[in-house]
Protein backbone atom coordinates (compact mmCIF):
# COMPACT_ATOMS: atom_id res chain seq x y z
CA LYS A 1 0.52 -0.05 -0.39
CA LYS A 2 1.40 3.46 -0.87
CA GLU A 3 1.93 5.82 1.65
CA SER A 4 2.60 9.53 2.27
CA TRP A 5 6.11 9.20 3.02
CA ALA A 6 9.63 7.79 1.61
CA GLN A 7 9.70 4.82 0.33
CA VAL A 8 13.07 2.77 1.18
CA LYS A 9 14.33 -0.10 -1.08
CA THR A 10 15.79 -2.60 0.74
CA MET A 11 18.15 -5.47 -1.54
CA GLU A 12 20.71 -7.53 -1.23
CA THR A 13 22.62 -5.91 -3.84
CA ALA A 14 25.39 -3.85 -5.14
CA GLY A 15 23.69 -1.26 -6.94
CA ALA A 16 20.32 -1.11 -8.69
CA GLY A 17 18.60 2.08 -10.92
CA SER A 18 21.05 2.37 -13.49
CA GLU A 19 20.90 1.10 -16.97
CA LEU A 20 23.27 -1.71 -15.89
CA GLY A 21 20.88 -3.18 -14.54
CA SER A 22 20.30 -4.27 -10.65
CA SER A 23 21.54 -7.17 -9.17
CA SER A 24 22.36 -9.36 -5.67
CA SER A 25 25.30 -10.06 -3.80
CA ILE A 26 26.17 -12.36 -0.57
CA GLY A 27 27.59 -10.16 2.12
CA LEU A 28 25.88 -7.11 0.99
CA LYS A 29 23.05 -4.60 1.93
CA ARG A 30 22.35 -0.98 0.32
CA THR A 31 19.58 0.96 1.58
CA TYR A 32 17.97 3.44 -0.52
CA ALA A 33 15.81 6.24 0.11
CA GLU A 34 13.32 7.22 -2.90
CA ALA A 35 10.56 9.54 -3.14
CA VAL A 36 6.67 7.88 -3.44
CA PRO A 37 4.15 10.73 -5.06
CA GLY A 38 1.50 11.43 -3.31
CA ASP A 39 2.00 9.03 -0.68
CA ASP A 40 25.35 -20.22 17.15
CA SER A 41 25.55 -21.95 18.08
CA GLY A 42 23.14 -24.44 19.14
CA LYS A 43 24.31 -27.02 22.02
CA THR A 44 24.17 -30.43 20.46
CA SER A 45 24.10 -33.62 22.94
CA ARG A 46 26.52 -36.36 22.29
CA ARG A 47 25.78 -40.00 23.17
CA ARG A 48 28.96 -42.76 23.91
CA ALA A 49 28.64 -45.78 22.67
CA VAL A 50 30.73 -48.10 24.05
CA LEU A 51 31.62 -51.61 23.44
CA ARG A 52 32.37 -54.10 25.86
CA ASP A 53 33.93 -57.85 25.16
CA PRO A 54 31.88 -60.53 26.94
CA ARG A 55 34.87 -62.29 26.87
CA ALA A 56 37.00 -59.61 29.05
CA GLU A 57 34.43 -59.75 31.91
CA LEU A 58 34.39 -63.51 31.83
CA HIS A 59 37.92 -63.36 32.38
CA ALA A 60 37.74 -60.30 34.59
CA ARG A 61 35.95 -62.32 36.99
CA ASP A 62 38.45 -65.08 37.96
CA ARG A 63 41.13 -62.20 38.85
CA PRO A 64 41.86 -61.63 42.61
CA GLY A 65 39.80 -59.43 43.55
CA ALA A 66 37.67 -58.56 41.09
CA SER A 67 33.88 -58.63 41.66
CA ARG A 68 31.26 -61.35 40.40
CA HIS A 69 28.83 -58.26 38.99
CA PRO A 70 30.18 -56.43 35.78
CA GLY A 71 30.54 -52.90 36.48
CA LEU A 72 31.14 -53.12 40.21
CA ARG A 73 34.77 -53.01 41.18
CA CYS A 74 36.59 -54.12 44.68
CA ALA A 75 38.93 -52.29 46.75
CA GLY A 76 42.41 -53.24 45.66
CA ALA A 77 41.48 -54.59 42.50
CA THR A 78 43.37 -53.45 39.85
CA LYS A 79 42.89 -52.65 35.60
CA ARG A 80 44.79 -54.23 32.49
CA PHE A 81 44.97 -53.41 29.63
CA ARG A 82 46.70 -55.15 26.56
CA VAL A 83 46.97 -53.36 23.33
CA ARG A 84 47.78 -55.47 20.28
CA ARG A 85 49.38 -53.63 17.24
CA VAL A 86 47.15 -53.84 13.94
CA ASP A 87 48.75 -53.41 10.82
CA VAL A 88 46.58 -51.84 7.99
CA ASP A 89 47.60 -51.63 4.90
CA ALA A 90 47.29 -48.64 3.06
CA ASP A 91 46.19 -49.96 0.24
CA ASP A 92 43.34 -52.61 1.69
CA PRO A 93 39.76 -51.35 0.06
CA LEU A 94 37.99 -51.04 3.35
CA ALA A 95 40.67 -48.94 4.85
CA VAL A 96 40.32 -46.54 1.74
CA LYS A 97 36.27 -46.65 2.33
CA LEU A 98 36.94 -45.72 5.91
CA ARG A 99 39.23 -42.90 4.87
CA ARG A 100 36.89 -41.61 2.30
CA ARG A 101 33.77 -41.25 4.43
CA ALA A 102 35.59 -39.30 6.95
CA GLU A 103 37.35 -37.00 4.68
CA GLY A 104 33.84 -36.52 3.02
CA GLY A 105 34.70 -34.28 -0.05
CA VAL A 106 36.83 -36.41 -1.68
CA PRO A 107 35.24 -37.80 -5.25
CA GLY A 108 34.02 -41.75 -4.46
CA CYS A 109 32.98 -40.90 -1.01
CA ASP A 110 29.47 -42.44 -0.43
CA GLU A 111 27.05 -39.97 -1.50
CA GLY A 112 24.42 -41.91 0.31
CA PHE A 113 26.14 -41.22 3.80
CA ARG A 114 26.90 -37.38 2.78
CA ARG A 115 23.34 -37.22 2.32
CA ARG A 116 22.19 -39.16 5.59
CA CYS A 117 24.76 -36.60 8.05
CA LEU A 118 23.43 -33.23 6.16
CA ARG A 119 19.98 -34.62 6.85
CA GLU A 120 20.69 -35.68 10.78
CA ARG A 121 21.87 -31.43 11.13
CA PHE A 122 17.78 -31.47 10.88
CA ASP A 123 15.91 -33.93 12.09
CA GLY A 124 15.70 -32.35 15.38
CA MET A 125 14.23 -29.30 13.94
CA GLN A 126 10.83 -28.63 15.77
CA LEU A 127 8.97 -25.29 17.26
CA ARG A 128 10.51 -24.24 20.13
CA GLN A 129 8.83 -20.86 20.83
CA GLU A 130 6.54 -18.19 19.24
CA PHE A 131 6.63 -14.46 19.46
CA ASP A 132 4.22 -11.93 18.46
CA ALA A 133 5.42 -8.89 16.77
CA HIS A 134 2.53 -6.73 16.84
CA ASP A 135 1.57 -4.95 20.41
CA PRO A 136 -2.63 -4.28 20.31
CA ASP A 137 -2.00 -2.19 23.43
CA SER A 138 1.26 0.21 22.19
CA VAL A 139 0.16 3.49 22.86
CA ASP A 140 3.65 5.24 22.04
CA ALA A 141 3.22 4.77 18.66
CA ARG A 142 1.25 7.91 17.41
CA PRO A 143 0.05 7.12 13.71
CA PRO A 144 -2.34 4.84 13.14
CA PHE A 145 -0.42 2.81 10.32
CA LEU A 146 2.13 1.83 13.11
CA ARG A 147 -0.52 0.50 16.02
CA ARG A 148 -1.98 -1.93 12.63
CA ARG A 149 -0.69 -5.30 12.50
CA SER A 150 1.37 -6.39 9.60
CA ARG A 151 3.57 -8.64 8.30
CA VAL A 152 6.94 -9.36 9.20
CA THR A 153 8.97 -8.71 6.41
CA GLU A 154 12.44 -9.29 7.90
CA ILE A 155 13.94 -11.97 10.90
CA THR A 156 17.38 -11.37 12.16
CA ALA A 157 19.12 -13.07 14.70
CA ALA A 158 21.95 -12.19 17.39
CA GLN A 159 22.38 -14.93 20.06
CA ASP A 160 19.91 -14.89 22.22
CA LEU A 161 18.48 -12.08 20.75
CA VAL A 162 15.40 -12.44 17.43
CA PHE A 163 14.74 -9.26 15.67
CA ALA A 164 11.58 -9.07 13.50
CA LEU A 165 10.59 -5.77 11.51
CA THR A 166 7.00 -5.39 10.10
CA HIS A 167 5.38 -3.81 7.35
CA THR A 168 5.07 -0.92 8.94
CA GLY A 169 7.82 -0.04 10.47
CA ARG A 170 7.65 -1.48 13.51
CA CYS A 171 10.75 -3.54 15.04
CA ALA A 172 10.36 -5.72 17.90
CA VAL A 173 12.94 -7.64 19.83
CA PHE A 174 12.33 -10.96 20.84
CA SER A 175 15.35 -13.07 24.09
CA THR A 176 15.02 -16.69 23.29
CA VAL A 177 16.40 -17.34 27.17
CA GLU A 178 13.15 -15.23 28.84
CA GLY A 179 10.88 -16.34 25.98
CA ARG A 180 9.12 -13.07 26.10
CA ARG A 181 9.24 -9.49 23.63
CA LEU A 182 11.61 -6.83 25.07
CA GLY A 183 10.06 -4.28 23.43
CA PHE A 184 10.47 -1.84 20.51
CA LEU A 185 13.46 -0.10 18.64
CA ASN A 186 11.48 2.78 17.00
CA HIS A 187 13.27 5.02 18.78
CA GLY A 188 10.48 7.37 18.75
CA PRO A 189 6.87 7.81 18.23
CA ASP A 190 6.92 8.60 14.89
CA VAL A 191 9.43 6.51 13.59
CA VAL A 192 9.58 3.89 10.33
CA VAL A 193 12.17 1.33 10.51
CA ARG A 194 12.78 -0.04 7.38
CA SER A 195 15.45 -1.83 6.96
CA LEU A 196 18.32 -3.76 9.84
CA PHE A 197 21.40 -4.73 9.46
CA LEU A 198 23.61 -7.39 11.98
CA ASN A 199 26.72 -5.83 12.76
CA ARG A 200 29.09 -8.65 14.29
CA ALA A 201 31.69 -6.24 13.50
CA ASN A 202 31.10 -4.51 17.08
CA GLU A 203 28.26 -6.57 18.51
CA SER A 204 25.48 -4.32 17.64
CA ILE A 205 22.37 -4.23 15.50
CA VAL A 206 22.03 -0.97 13.01
CA THR A 207 17.90 0.29 12.13
CA VAL A 208 17.79 2.43 8.97
CA SER A 209 14.49 4.39 9.53
CA VAL A 210 12.43 7.69 8.19
CA GLU A 211 11.01 10.40 10.32
CA ALA A 212 8.18 12.48 10.08
CA SER A 213 10.18 15.61 11.30
CA ASP A 214 11.59 15.78 7.87
CA GLN A 215 7.97 13.76 5.88
CA TYR A 216 9.89 10.94 5.55
CA ARG A 217 12.61 12.06 3.01
CA SER A 218 15.75 11.47 4.67
CA LEU A 219 17.37 7.83 6.22
CA LYS A 220 18.48 7.82 9.75
CA CYS A 221 21.10 4.83 10.75
CA ARG A 222 21.21 4.03 14.46
CA SER A 223 23.15 1.80 16.17
CA ILE A 224 22.25 -0.20 19.04
CA SER A 225 24.68 -2.83 21.31
CA TRP A 226 23.20 -5.97 22.05
CA SER A 227 24.51 -5.72 25.34
CA SER A 228 22.04 -2.70 26.10
CA ILE A 229 19.02 -3.96 24.45
CA ARG A 230 19.58 -7.20 27.41
CA ARG A 231 20.05 -4.13 29.89
CA ARG A 232 16.54 -2.78 28.53
CA LYS A 233 18.23 0.54 27.83
CA ALA A 234 18.14 0.00 23.88
CA GLU A 235 16.72 4.04 24.03
CA ASP A 236 19.52 5.45 26.29
CA TYR A 237 22.45 3.27 24.46
CA GLY A 238 21.74 3.87 21.42
CA PHE A 239 23.80 6.20 18.77
CA PHE A 240 23.37 8.16 15.64
CA ILE A 241 25.98 7.06 12.77
CA PHE A 242 26.74 9.39 9.80
CA GLU A 243 25.10 12.03 10.80
CA SER A 244 27.04 13.81 8.89
CA GLU A 245 25.77 12.71 5.63
CA ASP A 246 22.45 13.75 3.35
CA LEU A 247 20.68 10.60 2.76
CA ARG A 248 18.02 11.96 0.97
CA PHE A 249 17.02 10.37 -2.76
CA PRO A 250 18.90 9.43 -4.50
CA GLY A 251 21.03 8.87 -1.52
CA PHE A 252 21.87 5.45 -0.01
CA VAL A 253 23.65 3.30 2.73
CA GLU A 254 25.22 -0.21 2.10
CA PHE A 255 26.82 -2.56 4.49
CA ASP A 256 29.36 -4.51 3.70
CA ASP A 257 30.46 -7.07 6.68
CA VAL A 258 32.60 -9.24 3.84
CA ASN A 259 35.63 -6.69 3.48
CA GLY A 260 34.17 -4.77 6.53
CA LYS A 261 33.11 -1.17 5.14
CA VAL A 262 29.93 1.12 4.96
CA LEU A 263 29.44 2.63 1.67
CA THR A 264 27.17 5.87 1.68
CA HIS A 265 26.57 7.99 -0.43
CA SER A 266 24.78 11.94 0.26
CA ALA A 267 22.29 13.94 -2.06
CA SER A 268 24.19 17.14 -0.99
CA ASP A 269 27.69 16.42 -2.79
CA ALA A 270 28.48 14.77 -5.26
CA PHE A 271 31.24 11.72 -3.35
CA PHE A 272 31.19 8.99 -2.06
CA LYS A 273 32.48 7.93 1.01
CA PHE A 274 33.83 5.06 2.97
CA TRP A 275 33.53 3.68 6.39
CA ASP A 276 34.87 1.28 9.18
CA LEU A 277 31.91 -0.71 10.80
CA ALA A 278 33.70 -1.62 13.43
CA THR A 279 33.97 1.80 14.56
CA TYR A 280 32.46 4.43 12.09
CA ARG A 281 35.51 5.76 11.14
CA HIS A 282 35.70 7.69 7.86
CA LEU A 283 37.95 5.83 5.60
CA TYR A 284 38.13 7.98 2.06
CA THR A 285 36.33 10.01 -0.10
CA ILE A 286 35.65 8.87 -4.17
CA SER A 287 34.59 11.16 -6.08
CA ARG A 288 31.59 11.05 -7.94
CA ASP A 289 32.60 12.25 -11.57
CA ARG A 290 30.76 10.45 -13.36
CA ILE A 291 30.09 7.55 -12.25
CA ALA A 292 27.26 5.52 -12.59
CA GLU A 293 28.12 2.70 -10.57
CA ILE A 294 29.95 1.55 -7.52
CA LYS A 295 29.75 -2.29 -6.96
CA ILE A 296 31.64 -3.79 -4.13
CA SER A 297 34.03 -7.25 -4.12
CA PRO A 298 36.20 -8.97 -1.43
CA GLY A 299 39.17 -6.80 -1.65
CA ILE A 300 38.31 -4.53 -3.95
CA ILE A 301 35.84 -1.96 -5.64
CA LEU A 302 34.56 -2.11 -8.66
CA VAL A 303 33.87 1.81 -10.29
CA VAL A 304 31.44 2.08 -13.59
CA ARG A 305 31.65 5.45 -15.20
CA GLU A 306 29.23 6.86 -17.64
CA ARG A 307 29.29 4.79 -20.86
CA MET A 308 30.63 6.44 -24.22
CA ASP A 309 29.39 5.46 -27.33
CA SER A 310 31.42 1.95 -27.78
CA HIS A 311 33.00 1.60 -24.28
CA VAL A 312 32.58 1.97 -21.09
CA PRO A 313 35.60 3.14 -18.12
CA LEU A 314 36.17 0.41 -15.66
CA GLU A 315 38.21 1.13 -12.59
CA VAL A 316 39.37 -1.57 -9.84
CA ARG A 317 40.23 -0.06 -6.59
CA ASN A 318 41.91 -1.12 -3.08
CA ILE A 319 38.72 -1.69 -1.04
CA GLU A 320 41.60 -0.76 2.21
CA THR A 321 42.59 2.77 1.08
CA GLY A 322 40.60 3.47 -2.49
CA GLU A 323 43.66 3.60 -4.36
CA VAL A 324 43.37 2.72 -8.13
CA ILE A 325 44.71 -0.96 -8.88
CA LYS A 326 43.63 -1.02 -12.57
CA ALA A 327 41.65 1.71 -15.17
CA TRP A 328 40.29 0.38 -18.92
CA ASN A 329 38.09 0.60 -21.20
CA GLN A 330 35.63 -2.16 -21.79
CA MET A 331 34.80 -2.31 -24.97
CA LEU A 332 30.79 -2.83 -26.37
CA ARG A 333 29.06 -2.79 -28.93
CA ARG A 334 27.80 -0.10 -30.50
CA GLY A 335 23.47 0.80 -29.92
CA ARG A 336 23.00 -2.24 -27.88
CA LYS A 337 22.19 -1.40 -24.21
CA VAL A 338 24.57 -3.09 -21.02
CA ASP A 339 22.30 -6.28 -19.05
CA PHE A 340 24.40 -5.93 -16.48
CA ILE A 341 28.06 -5.71 -15.29
CA GLU A 342 29.70 -7.44 -12.13
CA ALA A 343 32.58 -7.19 -10.76
CA PHE A 344 33.33 -10.76 -8.15
CA GLN A 345 37.74 -11.01 -6.93
CA ASP A 346 39.42 -10.73 -10.25
CA LYS A 347 36.43 -11.91 -12.50
CA LEU A 348 34.20 -9.41 -13.91
CA LEU A 349 30.72 -10.57 -15.48
CA VAL A 350 29.98 -8.82 -18.82
CA LYS A 351 26.48 -8.70 -20.65
CA GLN A 352 25.17 -7.07 -23.03
CA GLU A 353 21.84 -7.47 -25.30
CA ASN A 354 21.52 -10.25 -27.34
CA GLU A 355 25.15 -10.93 -26.78
CA LYS A 356 27.05 -13.33 -25.34
CA MET A 357 27.55 -13.33 -21.75
CA GLN A 358 31.56 -12.30 -21.44
CA ILE A 359 33.55 -13.83 -18.23
CA ILE A 360 37.14 -11.54 -18.13
CA ASP A 361 40.13 -12.04 -15.85
CA VAL A 362 40.93 -9.09 -14.92
CA ARG A 363 44.71 -10.56 -14.08
CA SER A 364 44.79 -10.42 -18.07
CA LEU A 365 44.52 -7.12 -18.74
CA VAL A 366 47.56 -4.94 -18.96
CA ASN A 367 46.36 -1.46 -20.79
CA GLY A 368 42.53 -2.98 -21.52
CA PRO A 369 41.46 -6.55 -23.48
CA ARG A 370 43.41 -8.44 -25.33
CA SER A 371 43.75 -8.31 -29.16
CA ASP A 372 43.52 -12.19 -29.03
CA GLY A 373 40.87 -12.95 -26.20
CA ALA A 374 43.14 -14.15 -23.87
CA GLY A 375 41.39 -14.19 -20.54
CA ILE A 376 38.22 -14.59 -21.43
CA VAL A 377 35.18 -16.82 -21.25
CA GLU A 378 32.32 -16.59 -23.41
CA VAL A 379 28.65 -18.73 -22.63
CA CYS A 380 25.91 -18.52 -25.15
CA ARG A 381 23.10 -16.58 -23.98
CA SER A 382 20.72 -19.45 -25.33
CA GLN A 383 22.41 -20.83 -22.10
CA PHE A 384 22.82 -17.94 -19.99
CA LEU A 385 19.79 -16.12 -19.86
CA ILE A 386 19.58 -12.67 -17.57
CA PRO A 387 18.93 -13.29 -14.13
CA SER A 388 17.29 -10.98 -11.74
CA SER A 389 19.43 -11.69 -8.99
CA PHE A 390 23.30 -13.06 -8.44
CA VAL A 391 24.87 -14.42 -5.23
CA PHE A 392 28.75 -15.10 -5.14
CA LEU A 393 29.81 -18.05 -3.10
CA TYR A 394 33.59 -16.80 -2.24
CA GLU A 395 34.46 -19.42 -1.12
CA ARG A 396 33.35 -21.90 -3.49
CA GLN A 397 34.64 -20.05 -6.47
CA LEU A 398 30.76 -20.29 -7.67
CA PHE A 399 28.02 -17.82 -8.33
CA LEU A 400 24.04 -18.31 -7.97
CA THR A 401 21.68 -16.71 -10.46
CA PHE A 402 18.02 -16.47 -9.86
CA ARG A 403 15.45 -16.18 -12.72
CA ASN A 404 11.84 -17.15 -12.69
CA GLN A 405 11.68 -18.77 -9.56
CA GLU A 406 14.53 -21.16 -10.74
CA ILE A 407 18.15 -21.03 -9.12
CA LEU A 408 21.10 -22.13 -11.52
CA VAL A 409 24.49 -22.80 -10.13
CA TRP A 410 27.81 -21.42 -12.45
CA ASP A 411 31.66 -21.95 -12.30
CA TYR A 412 34.06 -19.16 -14.06
CA SER A 413 34.54 -21.01 -16.66
CA GLY A 414 31.17 -20.56 -17.40
CA GLN A 415 29.63 -24.31 -17.03
CA LEU A 416 26.13 -24.79 -15.23
CA VAL A 417 27.41 -26.82 -12.39
CA THR A 418 23.71 -27.81 -11.00
CA ARG A 419 20.64 -26.98 -11.02
CA LEU A 420 18.86 -27.06 -8.20
CA GLU A 421 16.10 -29.94 -8.15
CA ASP A 422 12.37 -29.31 -6.17
CA HIS A 423 13.58 -25.84 -4.84
CA GLN A 424 11.06 -23.39 -6.82
CA LEU A 425 11.03 -20.33 -5.40
CA PHE A 426 7.88 -18.94 -3.62
CA HIS A 427 8.53 -15.41 -4.35
CA GLU A 428 10.52 -14.70 -7.83
CA ASP A 429 12.39 -11.71 -6.41
CA PRO A 430 14.55 -13.37 -3.46
CA GLY A 431 16.17 -10.85 -2.83
CA ALA A 432 13.58 -8.20 -1.91
CA SER A 433 11.55 -11.34 -0.58
CA ASN A 434 14.88 -11.86 2.22
CA LEU A 435 13.71 -15.54 1.97
CA VAL A 436 16.80 -17.08 0.67
CA TYR A 437 19.44 -17.95 3.47
CA VAL A 438 23.33 -19.61 2.58
CA THR A 439 25.30 -21.12 5.59
CA SER A 440 28.33 -20.31 6.19
CA LYS A 441 29.66 -23.00 4.76
CA GLN A 442 28.07 -22.13 1.22
CA ASP A 443 26.24 -25.94 1.18
CA LEU A 444 23.67 -25.50 1.90
CA ILE A 445 20.77 -23.24 0.06
CA ILE A 446 17.29 -22.97 2.71
CA SER A 447 14.55 -21.36 0.76
CA LEU A 448 10.74 -20.73 0.79
CA CYS A 449 9.78 -22.31 -1.50
CA ARG A 450 5.88 -23.89 -3.80
CA GLN A 451 5.04 -27.21 -3.56
CA SER A 452 1.61 -28.27 -4.36
CA GLU A 453 0.89 -29.63 -1.61
CA CYS A 454 1.10 -26.94 0.80
CA GLU A 455 -0.72 -23.49 0.00
CA HIS A 456 1.77 -21.21 2.03
CA GLY A 457 4.68 -22.68 0.62
CA THR A 458 8.06 -24.87 2.50
CA ILE A 459 10.86 -24.61 3.41
CA ASN A 460 13.56 -26.49 1.65
CA VAL A 461 17.49 -27.11 2.38
CA THR A 462 19.13 -28.30 -0.81
CA ASN A 463 22.44 -29.47 -1.42
CA ILE A 464 24.40 -26.23 -3.30
CA LEU A 465 26.77 -28.53 -5.04
CA THR A 466 25.13 -31.72 -5.97
CA GLY A 467 21.38 -29.66 -6.26
CA LYS A 468 19.33 -33.30 -4.21
CA ARG A 469 17.07 -31.36 -1.55
CA VAL A 470 18.22 -32.95 1.65
């Protein structure tokens, strides 16, 4: 429903809204301000199985001072152990099979064993607690829409704390230890929270909100430590960050916990500023002169400048200092729009309308693309259709593409690794719906999917490497 305040778009993305298209990548969270006209670790119990030899117990009864009852020991009795050395042939088929099964990731290991291990991680899933983010007796929310019940759009958890953000902008925090709601993170009666970021670098939660005092036009960022929330002092201990920045449209703030940086773009000046994620200290500034887009990748920044007729100027910068590492002109076909340009470490993905997708090795570029085409892999456009978003898996050197509720896994040689079976997403845009999660080992993906037998969908856990549902 459209309202008369500023609409804030939250996307798992490195950028959106330009000719270069919008995409999504893991580890990034950018929040835009846009005016709308007219409106861990859990503890697991381990059970140790002890195998006893009946013959050993039989002989123990005949020893002096030994008890006739197994499990009881008389005074003065001693325990003796005889160790027998067994030489195992390294090439023995049984030894090889056991070693492969223990290592798990070696080709040739038992696929059924791996799948059983993955299933055991989720066998104990059951409902523990239920919380309600709606407070019908709330009197501190001044606008009527903040007092209405609305759906939960975002959930994030930190240790024993669970944060739930509703569509109307109320942010509730719950304690799994106490089993109840601790309060709301809206620091004023007319504050609308539009996005959350869990800052593990300094153990805080960052709320991105808009207020009625400026007609809901600019973003306000506030950092609240987890410890102050537990002490019920969220209102007293939270503090505003990036107060010097004018975050009205087209301004934005982007949090990157992979590199530990924050990127802000102020509407009142022509600068992009980078900040330290742990201390919120300003690091350096990049002038916006003819910059169309900035994309963040592990260790680097890709600066995409405004397109010329037959090329687009690109720069790769150091994420720590902002210094230019490499600059070149990426040649393009005249008269054809750019579908997307994405950066992932030393790889660059470029796609134009009705053209093949190119995967370019940035390290092979010296003074621009080589005439012999070395360092460039092309993927047929009939095979690689334009996705709605990306997720880059840094540990696996793979990337996921999302298109028409389907997920595909690709490598950087342009090969399709796998297609996730029985994994039709419930929503077409997973970045906007916050309903896709990749584990820290980047081996499993957990999503809300459509199932014919379930009207509200199911939560599916799928192995990314094999495409099989766990």
